PDB file of all heavy atoms in Angstrom:
ATOM      1  N   MET A   1     -18.438 138.645  39.112  1.00  0.00           N
ATOM      2  CA  MET A   1     -18.970 139.445  40.087  1.00  0.00           C
ATOM      3  C   MET A   1     -20.252 139.020  40.741  1.00  0.00           C
ATOM      4  O   MET A   1     -20.629 139.411  41.793  1.00  0.00           O
ATOM      5  CB  MET A   1     -19.258 140.972  39.507  1.00  0.00           C
ATOM      6  CG  MET A   1     -17.999 141.694  38.931  1.00  0.00           C
ATOM      7  SD  MET A   1     -16.678 141.791  40.218  1.00  0.00           S
ATOM      8  CE  MET A   1     -17.446 142.718  41.485  1.00  0.00           C
ATOM      9  N   SER A   2     -20.789 138.020  40.102  1.00  0.00           N
ATOM     10  CA  SER A   2     -21.990 137.427  40.789  1.00  0.00           C
ATOM     11  C   SER A   2     -21.696 136.353  41.765  1.00  0.00           C
ATOM     12  O   SER A   2     -22.638 135.824  42.592  1.00  0.00           O
ATOM     13  CB  SER A   2     -22.892 136.771  39.697  1.00  0.00           C
ATOM     14  OG  SER A   2     -22.096 135.648  39.058  1.00  0.00           O
ATOM     15  N   ARG A   3     -20.370 136.039  41.967  1.00  0.00           N
ATOM     16  CA  ARG A   3     -19.976 134.999  42.862  1.00  0.00           C
ATOM     17  C   ARG A   3     -19.667 135.717  44.265  1.00  0.00           C
ATOM     18  O   ARG A   3     -19.405 136.916  44.342  1.00  0.00           O
ATOM     19  CB  ARG A   3     -18.666 134.325  42.395  1.00  0.00           C
ATOM     20  CG  ARG A   3     -18.801 133.625  41.065  1.00  0.00           C
ATOM     21  CD  ARG A   3     -17.460 133.052  40.617  1.00  0.00           C
ATOM     22  NE  ARG A   3     -17.558 132.406  39.290  1.00  0.00           N
ATOM     23  CZ  ARG A   3     -16.701 132.520  38.413  1.00  0.00           C
ATOM     24  NH1 ARG A   3     -15.505 133.046  38.518  1.00  0.00           N
ATOM     25  NH2 ARG A   3     -16.827 131.871  37.172  1.00  0.00           N
ATOM     26  N   PRO A   4     -19.635 134.840  45.298  1.00  0.00           N
ATOM     27  CA  PRO A   4     -19.228 135.406  46.582  1.00  0.00           C
ATOM     28  C   PRO A   4     -17.813 135.988  46.484  1.00  0.00           C
ATOM     29  O   PRO A   4     -17.003 135.521  45.663  1.00  0.00           O
ATOM     30  CB  PRO A   4     -19.205 134.141  47.540  1.00  0.00           C
ATOM     31  CG  PRO A   4     -20.148 133.186  46.888  1.00  0.00           C
ATOM     32  CD  PRO A   4     -20.118 133.508  45.411  1.00  0.00           C
ATOM     33  N   ARG A   5     -17.441 136.989  47.275  1.00  0.00           N
ATOM     34  CA  ARG A   5     -16.231 137.702  47.181  1.00  0.00           C
ATOM     35  C   ARG A   5     -15.104 136.810  47.145  1.00  0.00           C
ATOM     36  O   ARG A   5     -14.082 136.911  46.356  1.00  0.00           O
ATOM     37  CB  ARG A   5     -16.062 138.768  48.226  1.00  0.00           C
ATOM     38  CG  ARG A   5     -14.780 139.572  48.041  1.00  0.00           C
ATOM     39  CD  ARG A   5     -14.742 140.805  48.978  1.00  0.00           C
ATOM     40  NE  ARG A   5     -13.452 141.457  48.776  1.00  0.00           N
ATOM     41  CZ  ARG A   5     -13.052 142.534  49.375  1.00  0.00           C
ATOM     42  NH1 ARG A   5     -13.900 143.053  50.441  1.00  0.00           N
ATOM     43  NH2 ARG A   5     -11.992 143.193  49.177  1.00  0.00           N
ATOM     44  N   ARG A   6     -15.192 135.842  47.987  1.00  0.00           N
ATOM     45  CA  ARG A   6     -13.874 134.878  48.085  1.00  0.00           C
ATOM     46  C   ARG A   6     -13.617 134.161  46.811  1.00  0.00           C
ATOM     47  O   ARG A   6     -12.506 133.868  46.506  1.00  0.00           O
ATOM     48  CB  ARG A   6     -14.285 133.814  49.229  1.00  0.00           C
ATOM     49  CG  ARG A   6     -13.188 132.802  49.365  1.00  0.00           C
ATOM     50  CD  ARG A   6     -13.534 131.749  50.483  1.00  0.00           C
ATOM     51  NE  ARG A   6     -12.574 130.675  50.520  1.00  0.00           N
ATOM     52  CZ  ARG A   6     -11.352 130.676  51.070  1.00  0.00           C
ATOM     53  NH1 ARG A   6     -10.928 131.897  51.587  1.00  0.00           N
ATOM     54  NH2 ARG A   6     -10.700 129.692  51.008  1.00  0.00           N
ATOM     55  N   GLU A   7     -14.645 133.908  45.998  1.00  0.00           N
ATOM     56  CA  GLU A   7     -14.445 133.193  44.738  1.00  0.00           C
ATOM     57  C   GLU A   7     -14.159 134.192  43.605  1.00  0.00           C
ATOM     58  O   GLU A   7     -13.982 133.692  42.450  1.00  0.00           O
ATOM     59  CB  GLU A   7     -15.693 132.473  44.413  1.00  0.00           C
ATOM     60  CG  GLU A   7     -16.037 131.343  45.459  1.00  0.00           C
ATOM     61  CD  GLU A   7     -17.363 130.587  45.190  1.00  0.00           C
ATOM     62  OE1 GLU A   7     -17.796 130.831  43.958  1.00  0.00           O
ATOM     63  OE2 GLU A   7     -17.842 129.945  45.997  1.00  0.00           O
ATOM     64  N   ARG A   8     -13.973 135.465  43.886  1.00  0.00           N
ATOM     65  CA  ARG A   8     -13.598 136.406  42.696  1.00  0.00           C
ATOM     66  C   ARG A   8     -12.032 136.536  42.634  1.00  0.00           C
ATOM     67  O   ARG A   8     -11.724 137.144  41.627  1.00  0.00           O
ATOM     68  CB  ARG A   8     -14.203 137.768  43.018  1.00  0.00           C
ATOM     69  CG  ARG A   8     -15.723 137.863  43.132  1.00  0.00           C
ATOM     70  CD  ARG A   8     -16.280 139.191  43.553  1.00  0.00           C
ATOM     71  NE  ARG A   8     -17.622 139.106  44.043  1.00  0.00           N
ATOM     72  CZ  ARG A   8     -18.256 140.122  44.546  1.00  0.00           C
ATOM     73  NH1 ARG A   8     -17.614 141.228  44.738  1.00  0.00           N
ATOM     74  NH2 ARG A   8     -19.540 140.030  44.850  1.00  0.00           N
ATOM     75  N   ASN A   9     -11.354 135.943  43.438  1.00  0.00           N
ATOM     76  CA  ASN A   9      -9.787 135.997  43.363  1.00  0.00           C
ATOM     77  C   ASN A   9      -9.432 134.864  42.386  1.00  0.00           C
ATOM     78  O   ASN A   9      -9.427 133.726  42.712  1.00  0.00           O
ATOM     79  CB  ASN A   9      -9.285 135.863  44.635  1.00  0.00           C
ATOM     80  CG  ASN A   9      -7.809 136.126  44.636  1.00  0.00           C
ATOM     81  OD1 ASN A   9      -6.949 135.352  43.988  1.00  0.00           O
ATOM     82  ND2 ASN A   9      -7.347 137.247  45.247  1.00  0.00           N
ATOM     83  N   PHE A  10      -8.867 135.243  41.199  1.00  0.00           N
ATOM     84  CA  PHE A  10      -8.520 134.268  40.168  1.00  0.00           C
ATOM     85  C   PHE A  10      -7.150 133.510  40.627  1.00  0.00           C
ATOM     86  O   PHE A  10      -6.997 132.435  40.074  1.00  0.00           O
ATOM     87  CB  PHE A  10      -8.439 134.697  38.748  1.00  0.00           C
ATOM     88  CG  PHE A  10      -7.570 136.043  38.663  1.00  0.00           C
ATOM     89  CD1 PHE A  10      -6.255 135.975  38.635  1.00  0.00           C
ATOM     90  CD2 PHE A  10      -8.213 137.265  38.282  1.00  0.00           C
ATOM     91  CE1 PHE A  10      -5.443 137.097  38.335  1.00  0.00           C
ATOM     92  CE2 PHE A  10      -7.365 138.308  38.040  1.00  0.00           C
ATOM     93  CZ  PHE A  10      -6.019 138.182  38.080  1.00  0.00           C
ATOM     94  N   THR A  11      -6.409 134.084  41.480  1.00  0.00           N
ATOM     95  CA  THR A  11      -5.129 133.442  41.940  1.00  0.00           C
ATOM     96  C   THR A  11      -5.599 132.195  42.865  1.00  0.00           C
ATOM     97  O   THR A  11      -5.061 131.114  42.701  1.00  0.00           O
ATOM     98  CB  THR A  11      -4.219 134.385  42.658  1.00  0.00           C
ATOM     99  OG1 THR A  11      -3.840 135.360  41.722  1.00  0.00           O
ATOM    100  CG2 THR A  11      -3.008 133.634  43.214  1.00  0.00           C
ATOM    101  N   ARG A  12      -6.489 132.559  43.757  1.00  0.00           N
ATOM    102  CA  ARG A  12      -7.022 131.515  44.752  1.00  0.00           C
ATOM    103  C   ARG A  12      -7.675 130.413  43.899  1.00  0.00           C
ATOM    104  O   ARG A  12      -7.510 129.215  44.133  1.00  0.00           O
ATOM    105  CB  ARG A  12      -7.918 132.177  45.773  1.00  0.00           C
ATOM    106  CG  ARG A  12      -8.592 131.137  46.709  1.00  0.00           C
ATOM    107  CD  ARG A  12      -9.676 131.601  47.522  1.00  0.00           C
ATOM    108  NE  ARG A  12      -9.022 132.357  48.598  1.00  0.00           N
ATOM    109  CZ  ARG A  12      -9.152 133.673  48.743  1.00  0.00           C
ATOM    110  NH1 ARG A  12      -9.795 134.455  47.899  1.00  0.00           N
ATOM    111  NH2 ARG A  12      -8.601 134.370  49.830  1.00  0.00           N
ATOM    112  N   ARG A  13      -8.632 130.828  42.991  1.00  0.00           N
ATOM    113  CA  ARG A  13      -9.318 129.783  42.293  1.00  0.00           C
ATOM    114  C   ARG A  13      -8.440 128.926  41.348  1.00  0.00           C
ATOM    115  O   ARG A  13      -8.685 127.798  41.156  1.00  0.00           O
ATOM    116  CB  ARG A  13     -10.359 130.439  41.452  1.00  0.00           C
ATOM    117  CG  ARG A  13     -11.491 131.141  42.298  1.00  0.00           C
ATOM    118  CD  ARG A  13     -12.670 131.558  41.408  1.00  0.00           C
ATOM    119  NE  ARG A  13     -13.331 130.496  40.767  1.00  0.00           N
ATOM    120  CZ  ARG A  13     -13.444 130.247  39.416  1.00  0.00           C
ATOM    121  NH1 ARG A  13     -12.794 130.987  38.702  1.00  0.00           N
ATOM    122  NH2 ARG A  13     -13.999 129.130  39.015  1.00  0.00           N
ATOM    123  N   PHE A  14      -7.271 129.567  40.856  1.00  0.00           N
ATOM    124  CA  PHE A  14      -6.538 128.791  39.981  1.00  0.00           C
ATOM    125  C   PHE A  14      -5.880 127.605  40.619  1.00  0.00           C
ATOM    126  O   PHE A  14      -5.716 126.493  40.063  1.00  0.00           O
ATOM    127  CB  PHE A  14      -5.354 129.756  39.305  1.00  0.00           C
ATOM    128  CG  PHE A  14      -4.597 129.081  38.194  1.00  0.00           C
ATOM    129  CD1 PHE A  14      -5.058 129.081  36.901  1.00  0.00           C
ATOM    130  CD2 PHE A  14      -3.461 128.375  38.449  1.00  0.00           C
ATOM    131  CE1 PHE A  14      -4.347 128.540  35.929  1.00  0.00           C
ATOM    132  CE2 PHE A  14      -2.682 127.761  37.439  1.00  0.00           C
ATOM    133  CZ  PHE A  14      -3.195 127.940  36.141  1.00  0.00           C
ATOM    134  N   PHE A  15      -5.518 127.762  41.862  1.00  0.00           N
ATOM    135  CA  PHE A  15      -4.837 126.667  42.606  1.00  0.00           C
ATOM    136  C   PHE A  15      -5.802 125.870  43.473  1.00  0.00           C
ATOM    137  O   PHE A  15      -5.474 124.714  43.768  1.00  0.00           O
ATOM    138  CB  PHE A  15      -3.854 127.328  43.709  1.00  0.00           C
ATOM    139  CG  PHE A  15      -2.663 127.802  42.905  1.00  0.00           C
ATOM    140  CD1 PHE A  15      -2.482 129.180  42.621  1.00  0.00           C
ATOM    141  CD2 PHE A  15      -1.621 127.008  42.348  1.00  0.00           C
ATOM    142  CE1 PHE A  15      -1.366 129.684  41.910  1.00  0.00           C
ATOM    143  CE2 PHE A  15      -0.511 127.480  41.735  1.00  0.00           C
ATOM    144  CZ  PHE A  15      -0.323 128.906  41.499  1.00  0.00           C
ATOM    145  N   LEU A  16      -7.086 126.363  43.850  1.00  0.00           N
ATOM    146  CA  LEU A  16      -7.958 125.620  44.697  1.00  0.00           C
ATOM    147  C   LEU A  16      -9.213 125.130  44.017  1.00  0.00           C
ATOM    148  O   LEU A  16      -9.884 124.262  44.433  1.00  0.00           O
ATOM    149  CB  LEU A  16      -8.316 126.486  45.859  1.00  0.00           C
ATOM    150  CG  LEU A  16      -7.115 126.893  46.780  1.00  0.00           C
ATOM    151  CD1 LEU A  16      -7.662 127.682  48.015  1.00  0.00           C
ATOM    152  CD2 LEU A  16      -6.249 125.819  47.110  1.00  0.00           C
ATOM    153  N   ASP A  17      -9.499 125.601  42.797  1.00  0.00           N
ATOM    154  CA  ASP A  17     -10.678 125.196  42.126  1.00  0.00           C
ATOM    155  C   ASP A  17     -10.281 124.607  40.737  1.00  0.00           C
ATOM    156  O   ASP A  17      -9.947 125.404  39.827  1.00  0.00           O
ATOM    157  CB  ASP A  17     -11.690 126.326  41.859  1.00  0.00           C
ATOM    158  CG  ASP A  17     -12.962 125.967  41.179  1.00  0.00           C
ATOM    159  OD1 ASP A  17     -13.076 124.812  40.806  1.00  0.00           O
ATOM    160  OD2 ASP A  17     -13.706 126.888  40.980  1.00  0.00           O
ATOM    161  N   PRO A  18     -10.245 123.301  40.598  1.00  0.00           N
ATOM    162  CA  PRO A  18      -9.873 122.727  39.280  1.00  0.00           C
ATOM    163  C   PRO A  18     -10.636 123.280  38.038  1.00  0.00           C
ATOM    164  O   PRO A  18      -9.994 123.255  36.881  1.00  0.00           O
ATOM    165  CB  PRO A  18     -10.078 121.226  39.490  1.00  0.00           C
ATOM    166  CG  PRO A  18     -10.113 120.994  40.977  1.00  0.00           C
ATOM    167  CD  PRO A  18     -10.711 122.267  41.538  1.00  0.00           C
ATOM    168  N   THR A  19     -11.784 123.654  38.186  1.00  0.00           N
ATOM    169  CA  THR A  19     -12.620 124.021  37.126  1.00  0.00           C
ATOM    170  C   THR A  19     -12.128 125.356  36.547  1.00  0.00           C
ATOM    171  O   THR A  19     -12.404 125.727  35.306  1.00  0.00           O
ATOM    172  CB  THR A  19     -14.116 124.169  37.392  1.00  0.00           C
ATOM    173  OG1 THR A  19     -14.271 125.206  38.412  1.00  0.00           O
ATOM    174  CG2 THR A  19     -14.681 122.893  37.972  1.00  0.00           C
ATOM    175  N   ALA A  20     -11.371 126.195  37.283  1.00  0.00           N
ATOM    176  CA  ALA A  20     -10.860 127.386  36.890  1.00  0.00           C
ATOM    177  C   ALA A  20     -10.005 127.261  35.705  1.00  0.00           C
ATOM    178  O   ALA A  20      -9.739 128.132  34.805  1.00  0.00           O
ATOM    179  CB  ALA A  20     -10.259 128.243  38.026  1.00  0.00           C
ATOM    180  N   ARG A  21      -9.231 126.127  35.591  1.00  0.00           N
ATOM    181  CA  ARG A  21      -8.114 125.917  34.554  1.00  0.00           C
ATOM    182  C   ARG A  21      -8.727 125.576  33.215  1.00  0.00           C
ATOM    183  O   ARG A  21      -8.069 125.612  32.273  1.00  0.00           O
ATOM    184  CB  ARG A  21      -7.190 124.904  35.071  1.00  0.00           C
ATOM    185  CG  ARG A  21      -6.484 125.318  36.312  1.00  0.00           C
ATOM    186  CD  ARG A  21      -5.299 124.561  36.625  1.00  0.00           C
ATOM    187  NE  ARG A  21      -4.637 124.893  37.897  1.00  0.00           N
ATOM    188  CZ  ARG A  21      -3.401 124.591  38.219  1.00  0.00           C
ATOM    189  NH1 ARG A  21      -2.576 123.956  37.450  1.00  0.00           N
ATOM    190  NH2 ARG A  21      -2.905 124.932  39.466  1.00  0.00           N
ATOM    191  N   THR A  22     -10.053 125.209  33.238  1.00  0.00           N
ATOM    192  CA  THR A  22     -10.634 124.808  31.900  1.00  0.00           C
ATOM    193  C   THR A  22     -10.750 125.965  30.974  1.00  0.00           C
ATOM    194  O   THR A  22     -11.119 125.766  29.807  1.00  0.00           O
ATOM    195  CB  THR A  22     -11.978 124.153  32.147  1.00  0.00           C
ATOM    196  OG1 THR A  22     -12.907 125.174  32.760  1.00  0.00           O
ATOM    197  CG2 THR A  22     -11.883 122.975  33.042  1.00  0.00           C
ATOM    198  N   LEU A  23     -10.531 127.245  31.510  1.00  0.00           N
ATOM    199  CA  LEU A  23     -10.517 128.417  30.538  1.00  0.00           C
ATOM    200  C   LEU A  23      -9.279 128.543  29.697  1.00  0.00           C
ATOM    201  O   LEU A  23      -9.307 129.146  28.667  1.00  0.00           O
ATOM    202  CB  LEU A  23     -10.481 129.705  31.444  1.00  0.00           C
ATOM    203  CG  LEU A  23     -11.859 130.147  32.033  1.00  0.00           C
ATOM    204  CD1 LEU A  23     -11.593 131.202  33.021  1.00  0.00           C
ATOM    205  CD2 LEU A  23     -12.787 130.591  31.060  1.00  0.00           C
ATOM    206  N   PHE A  24      -8.305 127.622  29.980  1.00  0.00           N
ATOM    207  CA  PHE A  24      -7.017 127.809  29.316  1.00  0.00           C
ATOM    208  C   PHE A  24      -6.616 126.396  28.767  1.00  0.00           C
ATOM    209  O   PHE A  24      -6.915 125.356  29.406  1.00  0.00           O
ATOM    210  CB  PHE A  24      -5.907 128.382  30.257  1.00  0.00           C
ATOM    211  CG  PHE A  24      -6.326 129.578  31.030  1.00  0.00           C
ATOM    212  CD1 PHE A  24      -6.595 129.388  32.379  1.00  0.00           C
ATOM    213  CD2 PHE A  24      -6.327 130.665  30.492  1.00  0.00           C
ATOM    214  CE1 PHE A  24      -7.016 130.524  33.128  1.00  0.00           C
ATOM    215  CE2 PHE A  24      -6.833 131.872  31.211  1.00  0.00           C
ATOM    216  CZ  PHE A  24      -7.148 131.750  32.554  1.00  0.00           C
ATOM    217  N   PRO A  25      -5.899 126.360  27.690  1.00  0.00           N
ATOM    218  CA  PRO A  25      -5.365 125.131  27.148  1.00  0.00           C
ATOM    219  C   PRO A  25      -4.443 124.399  28.178  1.00  0.00           C
ATOM    220  O   PRO A  25      -3.666 125.154  28.939  1.00  0.00           O
ATOM    221  CB  PRO A  25      -4.484 125.519  25.975  1.00  0.00           C
ATOM    222  CG  PRO A  25      -5.130 126.816  25.397  1.00  0.00           C
ATOM    223  CD  PRO A  25      -5.438 127.641  26.778  1.00  0.00           C
ATOM    224  N   PRO A  26      -4.477 123.063  28.326  1.00  0.00           N
ATOM    225  CA  PRO A  26      -3.720 122.375  29.376  1.00  0.00           C
ATOM    226  C   PRO A  26      -2.159 122.712  29.272  1.00  0.00           C
ATOM    227  O   PRO A  26      -1.487 122.853  30.321  1.00  0.00           O
ATOM    228  CB  PRO A  26      -3.999 120.934  29.032  1.00  0.00           C
ATOM    229  CG  PRO A  26      -5.278 120.925  28.423  1.00  0.00           C
ATOM    230  CD  PRO A  26      -5.397 122.170  27.548  1.00  0.00           C
ATOM    231  N   GLU A  27      -1.661 122.931  28.132  1.00  0.00           N
ATOM    232  CA  GLU A  27      -0.238 123.191  27.963  1.00  0.00           C
ATOM    233  C   GLU A  27       0.194 124.645  28.491  1.00  0.00           C
ATOM    234  O   GLU A  27       1.365 124.895  28.618  1.00  0.00           O
ATOM    235  CB  GLU A  27       0.270 123.041  26.510  1.00  0.00           C
ATOM    236  CG  GLU A  27      -0.453 123.888  25.481  1.00  0.00           C
ATOM    237  CD  GLU A  27      -1.737 123.348  24.945  1.00  0.00           C
ATOM    238  OE1 GLU A  27      -2.249 122.391  25.590  1.00  0.00           O
ATOM    239  OE2 GLU A  27      -2.090 123.738  23.834  1.00  0.00           O
ATOM    240  N   ASP A  28      -0.798 125.381  28.797  1.00  0.00           N
ATOM    241  CA  ASP A  28      -0.480 126.725  29.251  1.00  0.00           C
ATOM    242  C   ASP A  28      -0.585 126.880  30.835  1.00  0.00           C
ATOM    243  O   ASP A  28      -0.288 127.877  31.406  1.00  0.00           O
ATOM    244  CB  ASP A  28      -1.475 127.788  28.685  1.00  0.00           C
ATOM    245  CG  ASP A  28      -1.284 127.869  27.103  1.00  0.00           C
ATOM    246  OD1 ASP A  28      -0.350 127.423  26.687  1.00  0.00           O
ATOM    247  OD2 ASP A  28      -2.134 128.706  26.526  1.00  0.00           O
ATOM    248  N   HIS A  29      -1.058 125.754  31.449  1.00  0.00           N
ATOM    249  CA  HIS A  29      -1.392 125.816  32.875  1.00  0.00           C
ATOM    250  C   HIS A  29      -0.070 126.077  33.725  1.00  0.00           C
ATOM    251  O   HIS A  29      -0.206 126.857  34.639  1.00  0.00           O
ATOM    252  CB  HIS A  29      -2.007 124.541  33.390  1.00  0.00           C
ATOM    253  CG  HIS A  29      -3.365 124.322  32.758  1.00  0.00           C
ATOM    254  ND1 HIS A  29      -4.182 123.121  33.162  1.00  0.00           N
ATOM    255  CD2 HIS A  29      -4.141 125.128  32.029  1.00  0.00           C
ATOM    256  CE1 HIS A  29      -5.306 123.315  32.486  1.00  0.00           C
ATOM    257  NE2 HIS A  29      -5.387 124.397  31.947  1.00  0.00           N
ATOM    258  N   ALA A  30       1.065 125.455  33.389  1.00  0.00           N
ATOM    259  CA  ALA A  30       2.157 125.675  34.145  1.00  0.00           C
ATOM    260  C   ALA A  30       2.728 127.076  34.110  1.00  0.00           C
ATOM    261  O   ALA A  30       3.116 127.578  35.129  1.00  0.00           O
ATOM    262  CB  ALA A  30       3.304 124.708  33.641  1.00  0.00           C
ATOM    263  N   GLY A  31       2.607 127.730  32.974  1.00  0.00           N
ATOM    264  CA  GLY A  31       3.040 129.049  32.905  1.00  0.00           C
ATOM    265  C   GLY A  31       2.172 130.011  33.665  1.00  0.00           C
ATOM    266  O   GLY A  31       2.645 130.903  34.356  1.00  0.00           O
ATOM    267  N   HIS A  32       0.878 129.767  33.568  1.00  0.00           N
ATOM    268  CA  HIS A  32      -0.058 130.632  34.386  1.00  0.00           C
ATOM    269  C   HIS A  32       0.173 130.457  35.918  1.00  0.00           C
ATOM    270  O   HIS A  32       0.287 131.408  36.674  1.00  0.00           O
ATOM    271  CB  HIS A  32      -1.547 130.278  34.098  1.00  0.00           C
ATOM    272  CG  HIS A  32      -2.100 130.693  32.830  1.00  0.00           C
ATOM    273  ND1 HIS A  32      -2.155 132.093  32.515  1.00  0.00           N
ATOM    274  CD2 HIS A  32      -2.514 130.095  31.740  1.00  0.00           C
ATOM    275  CE1 HIS A  32      -2.667 132.293  31.389  1.00  0.00           C
ATOM    276  NE2 HIS A  32      -2.777 131.107  30.793  1.00  0.00           N
ATOM    277  N   ALA A  33       0.408 129.189  36.349  1.00  0.00           N
ATOM    278  CA  ALA A  33       0.734 128.948  37.795  1.00  0.00           C
ATOM    279  C   ALA A  33       1.937 129.693  38.217  1.00  0.00           C
ATOM    280  O   ALA A  33       1.944 130.371  39.277  1.00  0.00           O
ATOM    281  CB  ALA A  33       0.834 127.512  37.940  1.00  0.00           C
ATOM    282  N   ARG A  34       2.997 129.618  37.446  1.00  0.00           N
ATOM    283  CA  ARG A  34       4.299 130.412  37.820  1.00  0.00           C
ATOM    284  C   ARG A  34       4.128 131.795  37.813  1.00  0.00           C
ATOM    285  O   ARG A  34       4.601 132.430  38.728  1.00  0.00           O
ATOM    286  CB  ARG A  34       5.276 129.918  36.779  1.00  0.00           C
ATOM    287  CG  ARG A  34       6.689 130.399  37.121  1.00  0.00           C
ATOM    288  CD  ARG A  34       7.742 129.761  36.168  1.00  0.00           C
ATOM    289  NE  ARG A  34       7.847 128.316  36.263  1.00  0.00           N
ATOM    290  CZ  ARG A  34       8.512 127.688  37.176  1.00  0.00           C
ATOM    291  NH1 ARG A  34       9.209 128.353  38.073  1.00  0.00           N
ATOM    292  NH2 ARG A  34       8.465 126.323  37.173  1.00  0.00           N
ATOM    293  N   THR A  35       3.345 132.357  36.835  1.00  0.00           N
ATOM    294  CA  THR A  35       3.091 133.878  36.928  1.00  0.00           C
ATOM    295  C   THR A  35       2.251 134.203  38.069  1.00  0.00           C
ATOM    296  O   THR A  35       2.544 135.252  38.721  1.00  0.00           O
ATOM    297  CB  THR A  35       2.342 134.161  35.594  1.00  0.00           C
ATOM    298  OG1 THR A  35       3.075 133.934  34.501  1.00  0.00           O
ATOM    299  CG2 THR A  35       2.046 135.762  35.593  1.00  0.00           C
ATOM    300  N   HIS A  36       1.212 133.478  38.442  1.00  0.00           N
ATOM    301  CA  HIS A  36       0.472 133.821  39.642  1.00  0.00           C
ATOM    302  C   HIS A  36       1.319 133.870  40.865  1.00  0.00           C
ATOM    303  O   HIS A  36       1.241 134.816  41.702  1.00  0.00           O
ATOM    304  CB  HIS A  36      -0.674 132.844  39.798  1.00  0.00           C
ATOM    305  CG  HIS A  36      -1.826 133.003  38.813  1.00  0.00           C
ATOM    306  ND1 HIS A  36      -2.477 134.245  38.638  1.00  0.00           N
ATOM    307  CD2 HIS A  36      -2.477 132.075  38.094  1.00  0.00           C
ATOM    308  CE1 HIS A  36      -3.453 134.060  37.722  1.00  0.00           C
ATOM    309  NE2 HIS A  36      -3.519 132.768  37.483  1.00  0.00           N
ATOM    310  N   VAL A  37       2.114 132.905  41.029  1.00  0.00           N
ATOM    311  CA  VAL A  37       2.927 132.815  42.256  1.00  0.00           C
ATOM    312  C   VAL A  37       3.964 133.897  42.317  1.00  0.00           C
ATOM    313  O   VAL A  37       4.093 134.601  43.352  1.00  0.00           O
ATOM    314  CB  VAL A  37       3.625 131.463  42.373  1.00  0.00           C
ATOM    315  CG1 VAL A  37       4.567 131.438  43.570  1.00  0.00           C
ATOM    316  CG2 VAL A  37       2.588 130.263  42.488  1.00  0.00           C
ATOM    317  N   ALA A  38       4.704 134.111  41.219  1.00  0.00           N
ATOM    318  CA  ALA A  38       5.676 135.206  41.218  1.00  0.00           C
ATOM    319  C   ALA A  38       5.109 136.614  41.405  1.00  0.00           C
ATOM    320  O   ALA A  38       5.704 137.421  42.102  1.00  0.00           O
ATOM    321  CB  ALA A  38       6.359 135.116  39.854  1.00  0.00           C
ATOM    322  N   THR A  39       3.880 136.810  40.914  1.00  0.00           N
ATOM    323  CA  THR A  39       3.283 138.073  41.030  1.00  0.00           C
ATOM    324  C   THR A  39       2.879 138.369  42.526  1.00  0.00           C
ATOM    325  O   THR A  39       3.086 139.405  43.131  1.00  0.00           O
ATOM    326  CB  THR A  39       2.065 138.212  40.094  1.00  0.00           C
ATOM    327  OG1 THR A  39       2.441 138.080  38.755  1.00  0.00           O
ATOM    328  CG2 THR A  39       1.422 139.550  40.216  1.00  0.00           C
ATOM    329  N   LEU A  40       2.287 137.324  43.133  1.00  0.00           N
ATOM    330  CA  LEU A  40       1.839 137.433  44.594  1.00  0.00           C
ATOM    331  C   LEU A  40       3.108 137.604  45.427  1.00  0.00           C
ATOM    332  O   LEU A  40       3.045 138.374  46.384  1.00  0.00           O
ATOM    333  CB  LEU A  40       1.014 136.096  44.934  1.00  0.00           C
ATOM    334  CG  LEU A  40       0.430 136.141  46.270  1.00  0.00           C
ATOM    335  CD1 LEU A  40      -0.442 137.425  46.554  1.00  0.00           C
ATOM    336  CD2 LEU A  40      -0.432 134.930  46.545  1.00  0.00           C
ATOM    337  N   ARG A  41       4.134 136.921  45.127  1.00  0.00           N
ATOM    338  CA  ARG A  41       5.364 137.173  45.981  1.00  0.00           C
ATOM    339  C   ARG A  41       5.796 138.621  45.906  1.00  0.00           C
ATOM    340  O   ARG A  41       6.181 139.163  46.951  1.00  0.00           O
ATOM    341  CB  ARG A  41       6.504 136.220  45.580  1.00  0.00           C
ATOM    342  CG  ARG A  41       7.674 136.360  46.385  1.00  0.00           C
ATOM    343  CD  ARG A  41       8.845 135.456  45.971  1.00  0.00           C
ATOM    344  NE  ARG A  41       8.659 134.060  46.477  1.00  0.00           N
ATOM    345  CZ  ARG A  41       8.896 133.780  47.778  1.00  0.00           C
ATOM    346  NH1 ARG A  41       9.484 134.614  48.607  1.00  0.00           N
ATOM    347  NH2 ARG A  41       8.901 132.549  48.098  1.00  0.00           N
ATOM    348  N   SER A  42       5.718 139.226  44.736  1.00  0.00           N
ATOM    349  CA  SER A  42       6.233 140.479  44.608  1.00  0.00           C
ATOM    350  C   SER A  42       5.222 141.494  45.330  1.00  0.00           C
ATOM    351  O   SER A  42       5.697 142.409  46.087  1.00  0.00           O
ATOM    352  CB  SER A  42       6.222 140.958  43.074  1.00  0.00           C
ATOM    353  OG  SER A  42       6.551 142.237  42.867  1.00  0.00           O
TER     354      SER A  42
END
């Protein structure tokens, strides 16, 4: 919440900000990416 509003969207940050993925183990990245896209499409 201390960031600018544009940087509060974790779907945008997951794909556009490489540092966002350091929160998760590398082997989980593909699953997170697929979930973000499928949810946004819905």
